[in-house]
Amino acid sequence: MTKTPASLLLAAVLAAFALSTSAQQSAAPAAAAAPAATPAAPGATGLTVPPPPPAAGTPGPAAATPSVTAPAAVAAPANFKADAGLGGTRYAAVCAACHGADGNSGTPANPKLAQQHPEYLVKQLQEFKDGTRASPIMKAFAAQLSDADMKNISYWLASQKAKPGFAKDKQLVSLGEKIYRGGIQERQLPACAGCHSPNGAGIPAQYPRLSGQHADYTASQLVAFRDGIRQNSPQMSQIAQKMNDREIRAVADYIAGLR
């Protein structure tokens, strides 16, 4: 076995080192010249692409925070004082198309609201909104109103003068008067006047004004009470269940002529 001189070994090591350094220097410019990676195109997969916004109707991260443009309705404070002026403006925007510009509806199916007791109106609007009084149409309108809106509108309506109505069916009006003023004792049907007063003015904060109301509307509500469709007054449900269709029409027609 022959021995390699030390000088030859040293030369070989130096040559190998020189070749390695040259390769690293030549690779560096090539890496610097390579173009930067282009961002992924929209819709391409990859972590660099932000997730798409949630589809319509799907709750997203912002769903837990109410929009600043649509704040949640805030209940009016207990000492809230109604502003009839604001109520008139809000009424014109939300209610007037169906109930008349001054609360005197010209459509027999839609009730007159002028001169109605404000406490009664507020109660009905609140019950339309929470579903206690079932009406898909009125629920949609009441949903647009805050507690303050309801009170403002109700006090504005109370300040409007109700236009008188009139009875149409002469054959039924006498029966209607009998039931309204005296009830039907043998069937334990109480007189309407006991709660709504002889002239239909009602009792503030307790029983609504009926005087001059459209007969069609009054009859429809009595039927709704009787048939369990309207359930926000157990007292009226019990009374209406004792009345037949003819008696309901008679009372409703008599009420229309009260003043």
Protein backbone atom coordinates (compact mmCIF):
# COMPACT_ATOMS: atom_id res chain seq x y z
CA MET A 1 0.00 0.00 0.00
CA THR A 2 1.51 3.32 -1.10
CA LYS A 3 1.21 6.45 1.09
CA THR A 4 -0.05 9.74 -0.45
CA PRO A 5 2.19 12.66 0.33
CA ALA A 6 0.65 15.25 2.66
CA SER A 7 1.07 17.98 0.08
CA LEU A 8 -1.20 16.14 -2.36
CA LEU A 9 -3.93 15.68 0.29
CA LEU A 10 -3.88 19.39 1.13
CA ALA A 11 -4.21 20.29 -2.55
CA ALA A 12 -7.25 18.03 -2.97
CA VAL A 13 -9.05 19.56 0.03
CA LEU A 14 -8.45 23.10 -1.24
CA ALA A 15 -9.79 22.21 -4.70
CA ALA A 16 -13.01 20.75 -3.27
CA PHE A 17 -13.62 23.86 -1.13
CA ALA A 18 -13.16 26.10 -4.14
CA LEU A 19 -15.74 24.18 -6.19
CA SER A 20 -18.41 24.37 -3.36
CA THR A 21 -18.02 28.13 -2.95
CA SER A 22 -18.36 28.71 -6.70
CA ALA A 23 -21.62 26.74 -6.84
CA GLN A 24 -23.19 28.78 -3.99
CA GLN A 25 -22.24 32.11 -5.62
CA SER A 26 -23.72 31.12 -9.00
CA ALA A 27 -27.02 29.99 -7.41
CA ALA A 28 -27.58 33.24 -5.49
CA PRO A 29 -28.14 35.53 -8.52
CA ALA A 30 -30.56 33.04 -10.00
CA ALA A 31 -32.65 33.07 -6.84
CA ALA A 32 -32.64 36.87 -6.71
CA ALA A 33 -33.78 37.12 -10.31
CA ALA A 34 -36.74 34.76 -9.87
CA PRO A 35 -40.08 36.67 -9.96
CA ALA A 36 -42.11 37.00 -6.74
CA ALA A 37 -44.97 34.55 -6.36
CA THR A 38 -48.19 36.04 -7.74
CA PRO A 39 -51.17 36.13 -5.37
CA ALA A 40 -53.72 33.43 -5.91
CA ALA A 41 -56.55 34.48 -8.19
CA PRO A 42 -59.98 35.04 -6.60
CA GLY A 43 -61.64 31.73 -6.05
CA ALA A 44 -58.40 29.75 -6.14
CA THR A 45 -57.63 27.50 -3.23
CA GLY A 46 -54.87 28.43 -0.81
CA LEU A 47 -54.44 30.05 2.61
CA THR A 48 -53.55 33.40 1.08
CA VAL A 49 -57.14 33.87 -0.16
CA PRO A 50 -59.57 35.27 2.44
CA PRO A 51 -62.74 33.22 2.99
CA PRO A 52 -65.75 34.35 0.94
CA PRO A 53 -68.48 36.41 2.65
CA PRO A 54 -71.36 34.38 4.06
CA ALA A 55 -74.21 33.69 1.70
CA ALA A 56 -77.40 35.75 2.03
CA GLY A 57 -79.38 34.64 5.04
CA THR A 58 -76.38 32.97 6.68
CA PRO A 59 -75.31 34.56 9.98
CA GLY A 60 -71.79 35.90 9.78
CA PRO A 61 -69.40 37.23 12.41
CA ALA A 62 -71.12 40.63 12.36
CA ALA A 63 -74.58 39.14 12.94
CA ALA A 64 -74.20 39.36 16.69
CA THR A 65 -73.78 43.14 16.53
CA PRO A 66 -76.89 45.21 15.62
CA SER A 67 -76.41 47.50 12.64
CA VAL A 68 -75.90 51.14 13.54
CA THR A 69 -78.49 52.07 10.91
CA ALA A 70 -81.18 49.85 12.44
CA PRO A 71 -80.94 49.94 16.23
CA ALA A 72 -83.07 47.66 18.30
CA ALA A 73 -86.29 49.25 19.58
CA VAL A 74 -85.96 50.60 23.10
CA ALA A 75 -88.90 50.60 25.46
CA ALA A 76 -90.16 54.04 26.41
CA PRO A 77 -89.39 55.00 30.02
CA ALA A 78 -92.20 54.83 32.56
CA ASN A 79 -92.38 58.63 32.76
CA PHE A 80 -92.44 59.04 28.97
CA LYS A 81 -94.65 61.92 27.83
CA ALA A 82 -96.29 61.35 24.49
CA ASP A 83 -95.64 63.84 21.69
CA ALA A 84 -98.78 64.06 19.58
CA GLY A 85 -96.97 66.11 16.93
CA LEU A 86 -94.45 63.35 16.32
CA GLY A 87 -97.30 60.87 16.49
CA GLY A 88 -99.12 62.58 13.63
CA THR A 89 -96.02 62.44 11.45
CA ARG A 90 -95.43 58.77 12.20
CA TYR A 91 -99.11 57.97 11.70
CA ALA A 92 -99.07 59.57 8.25
CA ALA A 93 -96.11 57.41 7.24
CA VAL A 94 -97.32 54.05 8.59
CA CYS A 95 -101.08 54.06 9.26
CA ALA A 96 -102.93 56.66 7.18
CA ALA A 97 -103.19 54.60 3.99
CA CYS A 98 -105.58 52.15 5.68
CA HIS A 99 -107.15 54.19 8.50
CA GLY A 100 -107.58 57.59 6.85
CA ALA A 101 -105.55 60.78 7.11
CA ASP A 102 -107.33 61.81 10.32
CA GLY A 103 -108.11 58.35 11.71
CA ASN A 104 -111.57 58.21 10.13
CA SER A 105 -111.25 55.19 7.88
CA GLY A 106 -113.39 55.23 4.77
CA THR A 107 -113.10 51.46 4.32
CA PRO A 108 -115.75 49.47 6.26
CA ALA A 109 -113.31 46.62 6.92
CA ASN A 110 -110.76 48.94 8.54
CA PRO A 111 -111.67 50.48 11.90
CA LYS A 112 -112.04 54.15 12.63
CA LEU A 113 -109.35 55.13 15.14
CA ALA A 114 -110.04 58.84 15.66
CA GLN A 115 -110.97 59.82 19.24
CA GLN A 116 -110.19 56.33 20.53
CA HIS A 117 -108.78 56.03 24.05
CA PRO A 118 -104.97 56.09 23.73
CA GLU A 119 -104.40 53.40 26.36
CA TYR A 120 -106.55 51.00 24.36
CA LEU A 121 -104.72 51.76 21.13
CA VAL A 122 -101.30 51.27 22.72
CA LYS A 123 -102.40 47.91 24.13
CA GLN A 124 -103.67 46.73 20.74
CA LEU A 125 -100.51 47.80 18.91
CA GLN A 126 -98.32 46.05 21.46
CA GLU A 127 -100.40 42.88 21.15
CA PHE A 128 -100.29 42.98 17.36
CA LYS A 129 -96.52 43.26 17.59
CA ASP A 130 -96.01 40.38 20.02
CA GLY A 131 -98.65 38.17 18.39
CA THR A 132 -101.13 38.17 21.27
CA ARG A 133 -103.69 39.59 18.85
CA ALA A 134 -103.30 37.65 15.62
CA SER A 135 -103.16 39.66 12.40
CA PRO A 136 -100.31 39.14 9.89
CA ILE A 137 -101.02 42.53 8.29
CA MET A 138 -101.09 44.52 11.51
CA LYS A 139 -98.15 42.58 12.94
CA ALA A 140 -96.03 43.76 10.01
CA PHE A 141 -96.98 47.40 10.58
CA ALA A 142 -96.68 47.26 14.37
CA ALA A 143 -93.21 45.73 14.01
CA GLN A 144 -92.07 49.06 12.56
CA LEU A 145 -93.09 50.96 15.70
CA SER A 146 -91.21 51.47 18.93
CA ASP A 147 -93.05 51.86 22.24
CA ALA A 148 -92.59 55.62 21.93
CA ASP A 149 -94.07 55.58 18.40
CA MET A 150 -97.10 53.68 19.64
CA LYS A 151 -97.78 56.15 22.43
CA ASN A 152 -97.21 59.19 20.22
CA ILE A 153 -99.54 57.84 17.51
CA SER A 154 -102.22 56.82 20.02
CA TYR A 155 -102.32 60.23 21.68
CA TRP A 156 -102.44 61.96 18.31
CA LEU A 157 -105.39 59.79 17.27
CA ALA A 158 -107.17 60.53 20.54
CA SER A 159 -106.98 64.22 19.66
CA GLN A 160 -108.72 63.73 16.29
CA LYS A 161 -112.46 64.22 15.96
CA ALA A 162 -114.40 61.06 15.13
CA LYS A 163 -116.89 61.32 12.27
CA PRO A 164 -120.35 59.92 13.08
CA GLY A 165 -121.63 56.79 11.41
CA PHE A 166 -125.14 55.52 10.86
CA ALA A 167 -127.17 52.32 11.05
CA LYS A 168 -128.17 50.74 7.74
CA ASP A 169 -130.57 47.90 8.57
CA LYS A 170 -133.82 49.27 9.99
CA GLN A 171 -135.19 45.79 10.62
CA LEU A 172 -132.27 44.83 12.85
CA VAL A 173 -131.56 48.10 14.61
CA SER A 174 -134.28 47.62 17.23
CA LEU A 175 -132.87 44.19 18.15
CA GLY A 176 -129.40 45.68 18.29
CA GLU A 177 -130.59 48.43 20.62
CA LYS A 178 -132.27 45.88 22.89
CA ILE A 179 -129.11 43.80 23.24
CA TYR A 180 -126.78 46.78 23.53
CA ARG A 181 -128.80 48.44 26.28
CA GLY A 182 -130.29 45.47 28.12
CA GLY A 183 -128.54 42.28 27.00
CA ILE A 184 -130.43 38.99 26.92
CA GLN A 185 -131.12 37.93 30.49
CA GLU A 186 -132.31 34.38 29.81
CA ARG A 187 -128.95 33.62 28.15
CA GLN A 188 -126.92 35.66 30.63
CA LEU A 189 -125.74 37.95 27.85
CA PRO A 190 -124.77 41.26 29.49
CA ALA A 191 -125.66 44.66 28.06
CA CYS A 192 -122.88 46.22 25.98
CA ALA A 193 -123.64 49.61 27.55
CA GLY A 194 -122.41 48.37 30.92
CA CYS A 195 -118.79 48.56 29.71
CA HIS A 196 -118.94 50.73 26.61
CA SER A 197 -121.42 53.31 28.01
CA PRO A 198 -124.93 54.06 26.66
CA ASN A 199 -123.61 56.34 23.90
CA GLY A 200 -120.67 54.09 22.96
CA ALA A 201 -118.02 56.40 24.38
CA GLY A 202 -116.40 53.59 26.37
CA ILE A 203 -114.41 54.07 29.57
CA PRO A 204 -110.89 55.53 29.25
CA ALA A 205 -108.06 53.08 29.99
CA GLN A 206 -110.56 50.23 30.37
CA TYR A 207 -113.02 49.78 27.49
CA PRO A 208 -112.77 51.11 23.93
CA ARG A 209 -114.95 53.69 22.29
CA LEU A 210 -117.43 52.05 19.88
CA SER A 211 -119.62 54.96 18.82
CA GLY A 212 -119.89 55.35 15.04
CA GLN A 213 -117.62 52.38 14.26
CA HIS A 214 -118.11 50.64 10.91
CA ALA A 215 -120.68 47.87 11.33
CA ASP A 216 -118.66 45.52 9.12
CA TYR A 217 -115.59 45.90 11.35
CA THR A 218 -117.52 45.51 14.62
CA ALA A 219 -119.27 42.40 13.33
CA SER A 220 -116.01 40.87 12.14
CA GLN A 221 -114.43 41.35 15.56
CA LEU A 222 -117.39 39.86 17.42
CA VAL A 223 -117.22 36.81 15.14
CA ALA A 224 -113.46 36.59 15.69
CA PHE A 225 -113.98 36.66 19.47
CA ARG A 226 -116.75 34.07 19.26
CA ASP A 227 -114.82 31.69 17.00
CA GLY A 228 -111.55 31.89 18.92
CA ILE A 229 -109.67 33.77 16.22
CA ARG A 230 -109.17 36.83 18.37
CA GLN A 231 -107.98 35.82 21.82
CA ASN A 232 -106.72 38.99 23.51
CA SER A 233 -109.85 39.54 25.62
CA PRO A 234 -111.28 36.52 27.49
CA GLN A 235 -114.21 38.66 28.65
CA MET A 236 -115.26 39.51 25.08
CA SER A 237 -114.74 35.90 23.96
CA GLN A 238 -117.18 34.69 26.62
CA ILE A 239 -119.76 37.32 25.67
CA ALA A 240 -119.53 36.77 21.90
CA GLN A 241 -119.93 33.00 22.30
CA LYS A 242 -123.49 33.66 23.48
CA MET A 243 -124.43 35.55 20.29
CA ASN A 244 -125.63 34.20 16.96
CA ASP A 245 -124.89 35.79 13.59
CA ARG A 246 -128.13 37.77 13.45
CA GLU A 247 -127.57 39.24 16.92
CA ILE A 248 -124.01 40.16 16.04
CA ARG A 249 -125.14 41.98 12.90
CA ALA A 250 -127.87 43.77 14.84
CA VAL A 251 -125.55 45.01 17.58
CA ALA A 252 -122.89 46.07 15.09
CA ASP A 253 -125.39 48.04 13.04
CA TYR A 254 -126.79 49.76 16.14
CA ILE A 255 -123.29 50.70 17.31
CA ALA A 256 -122.57 52.31 13.92
CA GLY A 257 -125.38 54.81 14.57
CA LEU A 258 -124.43 55.68 18.14
CA ARG A 259 -123.26 59.22 18.81
